[in-house]
């Protein structure tokens, strides 16, 4: 872990956890679990309602809004999730995945699995209001990102490295609140199922 700045701690069932306000680099390995129907629709720590079909996760420390690469050591599959909740508050577990995240990792029937976590591009605790964008898609080749960006208003291409490989992310910018960005994402979800809301610096 590099560049860690801690936020106020919180306590669950007598155990105190230290949230990160910001961090530049974060890697972790341990046990992942997942949660589904019993929590679907309930409020998360971010204020959003838990959607078992979204690519989200709960983590005890990482700033809300963090993008995390989760790699399953047993299936060899990996996914990218957004941290929008706190947990799992169970000893030995490091991340709680959404139902869809578990499906994509191939661990639904197993329940628990060994994973590694890699924080993508650093993270800072996300404000509820500010400057937001919607990432519609990510491509391994810039030409495909450029083709999509040309079709969209207020779009930009951001290059990011994932496990040493460059990816070109197409974002639509200019949303002054998370609510506006979420509404736009909802309208585009049918065409871009992997769309997600991100905070702009």
Protein backbone atom coordinates (compact mmCIF):
# COMPACT_ATOMS: atom_id res chain seq x y z
CA UNK A 1 0.00 0.00 0.00
CA UNK A 2 1.45 3.36 -1.09
CA UNK A 3 0.34 6.93 -0.31
CA UNK A 4 -2.28 5.96 2.27
CA UNK A 5 -4.25 8.70 4.04
CA UNK A 6 -6.71 7.42 6.63
CA UNK A 7 -10.24 8.66 7.26
CA UNK A 8 -12.23 8.33 10.50
CA UNK A 9 -12.41 4.71 11.73
CA UNK A 10 -15.69 2.86 12.26
CA UNK A 11 -16.63 -0.04 14.50
CA UNK A 12 -18.79 -3.09 13.72
CA UNK A 13 -19.56 -5.72 16.38
CA UNK A 14 -16.70 -4.50 18.55
CA UNK A 15 -14.08 -4.50 15.77
CA UNK A 16 -12.61 -1.18 14.60
CA UNK A 17 -11.81 -0.70 10.91
CA UNK A 18 -9.67 2.06 9.42
CA UNK A 19 -11.06 3.49 6.19
CA UNK A 20 -8.75 4.98 3.60
CA UNK A 21 -9.45 8.54 2.54
CA UNK A 22 -7.01 8.21 -0.35
CA UNK A 23 -4.38 5.75 -1.54
CA UNK A 24 -2.11 5.60 -4.59
CA UNK A 25 -1.48 1.86 -4.74
CA UNK A 26 -3.21 -1.06 -3.02
CA UNK A 27 -2.83 -4.82 -3.44
CA UNK A 28 -4.36 -7.52 -1.28
CA UNK A 29 -4.93 -11.26 -1.32
CA UNK A 30 -7.40 -13.33 0.65
CA UNK A 31 -10.91 -14.76 0.63
CA UNK A 32 -13.78 -13.30 -1.40
CA UNK A 33 -17.47 -13.93 -0.78
CA UNK A 34 -20.61 -12.63 -2.48
CA UNK A 35 -24.05 -11.38 -1.50
CA UNK A 36 -27.29 -11.52 -3.45
CA UNK A 37 -31.07 -11.53 -3.08
CA UNK A 38 -31.21 -10.97 0.67
CA UNK A 39 -29.47 -7.58 0.29
CA UNK A 40 -30.88 -6.55 -3.10
CA UNK A 41 -32.39 -3.06 -2.94
CA UNK A 42 -30.98 -2.19 0.48
CA UNK A 43 -28.94 0.98 0.98
CA UNK A 44 -25.17 0.65 0.78
CA UNK A 45 -22.54 2.77 2.54
CA UNK A 46 -22.34 5.00 -0.55
CA UNK A 47 -26.04 5.87 -0.38
CA UNK A 48 -26.81 3.82 -3.49
CA UNK A 49 -29.15 0.85 -3.30
CA UNK A 50 -27.45 -2.50 -3.68
CA UNK A 51 -28.04 -3.97 -7.13
CA UNK A 52 -27.10 -7.64 -7.26
CA UNK A 53 -26.82 -7.37 -11.06
CA UNK A 54 -24.28 -4.50 -11.03
CA UNK A 55 -20.50 -4.89 -10.94
CA UNK A 56 -19.98 -3.64 -7.40
CA UNK A 57 -18.37 -4.83 -4.19
CA UNK A 58 -17.98 -4.14 -0.49
CA UNK A 59 -14.55 -3.52 1.05
CA UNK A 60 -13.63 -2.59 4.61
CA UNK A 61 -10.98 0.03 3.79
CA UNK A 62 -10.85 1.25 0.20
CA UNK A 63 -12.46 4.62 -0.60
CA UNK A 64 -16.00 4.37 -1.93
CA UNK A 65 -15.90 4.67 -5.70
CA UNK A 66 -12.61 2.75 -6.01
CA UNK A 67 -12.18 0.60 -9.11
CA UNK A 68 -10.65 -2.77 -8.24
CA UNK A 69 -9.34 -5.59 -10.41
CA UNK A 70 -10.36 -8.87 -8.76
CA UNK A 71 -8.60 -12.02 -9.95
CA UNK A 72 -9.79 -15.47 -8.87
CA UNK A 73 -6.83 -17.76 -8.22
CA UNK A 74 -8.96 -20.87 -8.64
CA UNK A 75 -10.76 -20.12 -11.92
CA UNK A 76 -8.16 -17.76 -13.43
CA UNK A 77 -10.90 -15.26 -14.29
CA UNK A 78 -10.82 -11.56 -13.43
CA UNK A 79 -13.33 -8.72 -13.21
CA UNK A 80 -13.37 -5.00 -12.44
CA UNK A 81 -15.75 -3.82 -9.72
CA UNK A 82 -16.62 -0.52 -8.07
CA UNK A 83 -16.51 -0.36 -4.27
CA UNK A 84 -19.81 1.12 -3.06
CA UNK A 85 -20.29 -0.58 0.31
CA UNK A 86 -18.48 -1.59 3.51
CA UNK A 87 -17.71 -5.19 4.44
CA UNK A 88 -17.42 -8.10 4.63
CA UNK A 89 -17.25 -7.83 8.41
CA UNK A 90 -16.26 -11.47 8.77
CA UNK A 91 -12.78 -12.47 9.89
CA UNK A 92 -10.58 -13.67 7.04
CA UNK A 93 -12.64 -12.24 4.18
CA UNK A 94 -11.38 -9.24 2.21
CA UNK A 95 -14.13 -8.44 -0.31
CA UNK A 96 -17.84 -9.09 -0.82
CA UNK A 97 -18.82 -9.25 -4.50
CA UNK A 98 -22.18 -8.65 -6.13
CA UNK A 99 -24.04 -11.65 -7.52
CA UNK A 100 -23.06 -10.74 -11.09
CA UNK A 101 -19.43 -10.35 -10.07
CA UNK A 102 -19.53 -13.82 -8.55
CA UNK A 103 -21.12 -15.23 -11.71
CA UNK A 104 -18.40 -13.75 -13.91
CA UNK A 105 -15.68 -15.16 -11.64
CA UNK A 106 -17.40 -18.55 -11.69
CA UNK A 107 -17.79 -18.82 -7.91
CA UNK A 108 -21.56 -18.68 -7.29
CA UNK A 109 -21.88 -22.33 -6.33
CA UNK A 110 -18.65 -22.35 -4.35
CA UNK A 111 -19.48 -19.24 -2.31
CA UNK A 112 -15.94 -18.48 -1.15
CA UNK A 113 -12.75 -18.30 -3.17
CA UNK A 114 -9.15 -17.07 -3.02
CA UNK A 115 -8.57 -13.81 -4.89
CA UNK A 116 -6.08 -11.02 -5.38
CA UNK A 117 -7.12 -7.37 -5.47
CA UNK A 118 -5.41 -4.57 -7.38
CA UNK A 119 -6.55 -0.96 -7.07
CA UNK A 120 -6.71 0.72 -10.47
CA UNK A 121 -5.14 4.19 -10.78
CA UNK A 122 -5.32 5.18 -7.12
CA UNK A 123 -8.44 6.32 -5.30
CA UNK A 124 -9.82 9.14 -3.18
CA UNK A 125 -12.97 9.11 -1.09
CA UNK A 126 -15.72 10.17 -3.46
CA UNK A 127 -17.86 13.26 -2.76
CA UNK A 128 -21.60 13.06 -3.19
CA UNK A 129 -21.56 16.14 -5.43
CA UNK A 130 -18.85 17.41 -7.74
CA UNK A 131 -17.76 16.67 -11.27
CA UNK A 132 -18.81 13.28 -12.57
CA UNK A 133 -18.53 11.41 -15.84
CA UNK A 134 -19.93 8.18 -17.23
CA UNK A 135 -17.49 5.63 -18.60
CA UNK A 136 -19.34 3.83 -21.37
CA UNK A 137 -16.73 1.39 -22.62
CA UNK A 138 -13.07 0.38 -22.50
CA UNK A 139 -11.04 -0.86 -25.48
CA UNK A 140 -7.63 -2.45 -25.90
CA UNK A 141 -7.20 -0.54 -29.20
CA UNK A 142 -7.44 3.23 -29.42
CA UNK A 143 -9.08 3.26 -32.86
CA UNK A 144 -12.24 1.64 -31.49
CA UNK A 145 -12.36 4.11 -28.61
CA UNK A 146 -11.99 6.98 -31.10
CA UNK A 147 -14.85 5.65 -33.24
CA UNK A 148 -17.19 5.64 -30.25
CA UNK A 149 -16.02 9.00 -28.89
CA UNK A 150 -16.76 10.72 -32.22
CA UNK A 151 -20.42 9.71 -31.90
CA UNK A 152 -20.85 11.25 -28.44
CA UNK A 153 -21.14 14.80 -27.13
CA UNK A 154 -18.75 15.91 -24.36
CA UNK A 155 -16.70 12.73 -24.67
CA UNK A 156 -13.05 12.08 -23.97
CA UNK A 157 -10.65 9.15 -24.10
CA UNK A 158 -8.57 8.27 -21.05
CA UNK A 159 -5.76 5.74 -21.24
CA UNK A 160 -5.22 3.52 -18.20
CA UNK A 161 -2.97 0.56 -17.53
CA UNK A 162 -4.43 -2.67 -16.15
CA UNK A 163 -1.86 -5.33 -15.23
CA UNK A 164 0.65 -3.53 -17.45
CA UNK A 165 -1.60 -3.40 -20.53
CA UNK A 166 -3.03 -0.12 -21.93
CA UNK A 167 -6.79 0.33 -22.18
CA UNK A 168 -8.65 3.26 -23.73
CA UNK A 169 -11.71 4.31 -21.78
CA UNK A 170 -14.45 6.39 -23.37
CA UNK A 171 -16.12 8.82 -20.96
CA UNK A 172 -18.97 11.30 -21.30
CA UNK A 173 -18.23 14.29 -19.06
CA UNK A 174 -19.97 17.36 -17.67
CA UNK A 175 -22.30 15.97 -14.99
CA UNK A 176 -22.43 18.20 -11.91
CA UNK A 177 -23.97 15.56 -9.64
CA UNK A 178 -23.86 11.81 -9.23
CA UNK A 179 -27.64 11.70 -9.65
CA UNK A 180 -27.45 13.26 -13.14
CA UNK A 181 -24.65 10.89 -14.12
CA UNK A 182 -26.59 7.88 -12.83
CA UNK A 183 -29.64 8.91 -14.85
CA UNK A 184 -27.56 9.14 -18.03
CA UNK A 185 -25.94 5.78 -17.29
CA UNK A 186 -29.40 4.28 -16.88
CA UNK A 187 -30.44 5.54 -20.31
CA UNK A 188 -27.29 4.11 -21.92
CA UNK A 189 -27.19 0.81 -20.01
CA UNK A 190 -29.01 -1.17 -22.69
CA UNK A 191 -26.37 -0.34 -25.30
CA UNK A 192 -23.41 -0.20 -22.90
CA UNK A 193 -24.07 -2.71 -20.08
CA UNK A 194 -20.64 -2.09 -18.56
CA UNK A 195 -21.23 1.66 -18.10
CA UNK A 196 -20.22 3.13 -14.74
CA UNK A 197 -20.15 6.52 -13.02
CA UNK A 198 -16.74 7.91 -12.07
CA UNK A 199 -15.54 11.06 -10.31
CA UNK A 200 -13.47 13.55 -12.27
CA UNK A 201 -10.55 15.36 -10.65
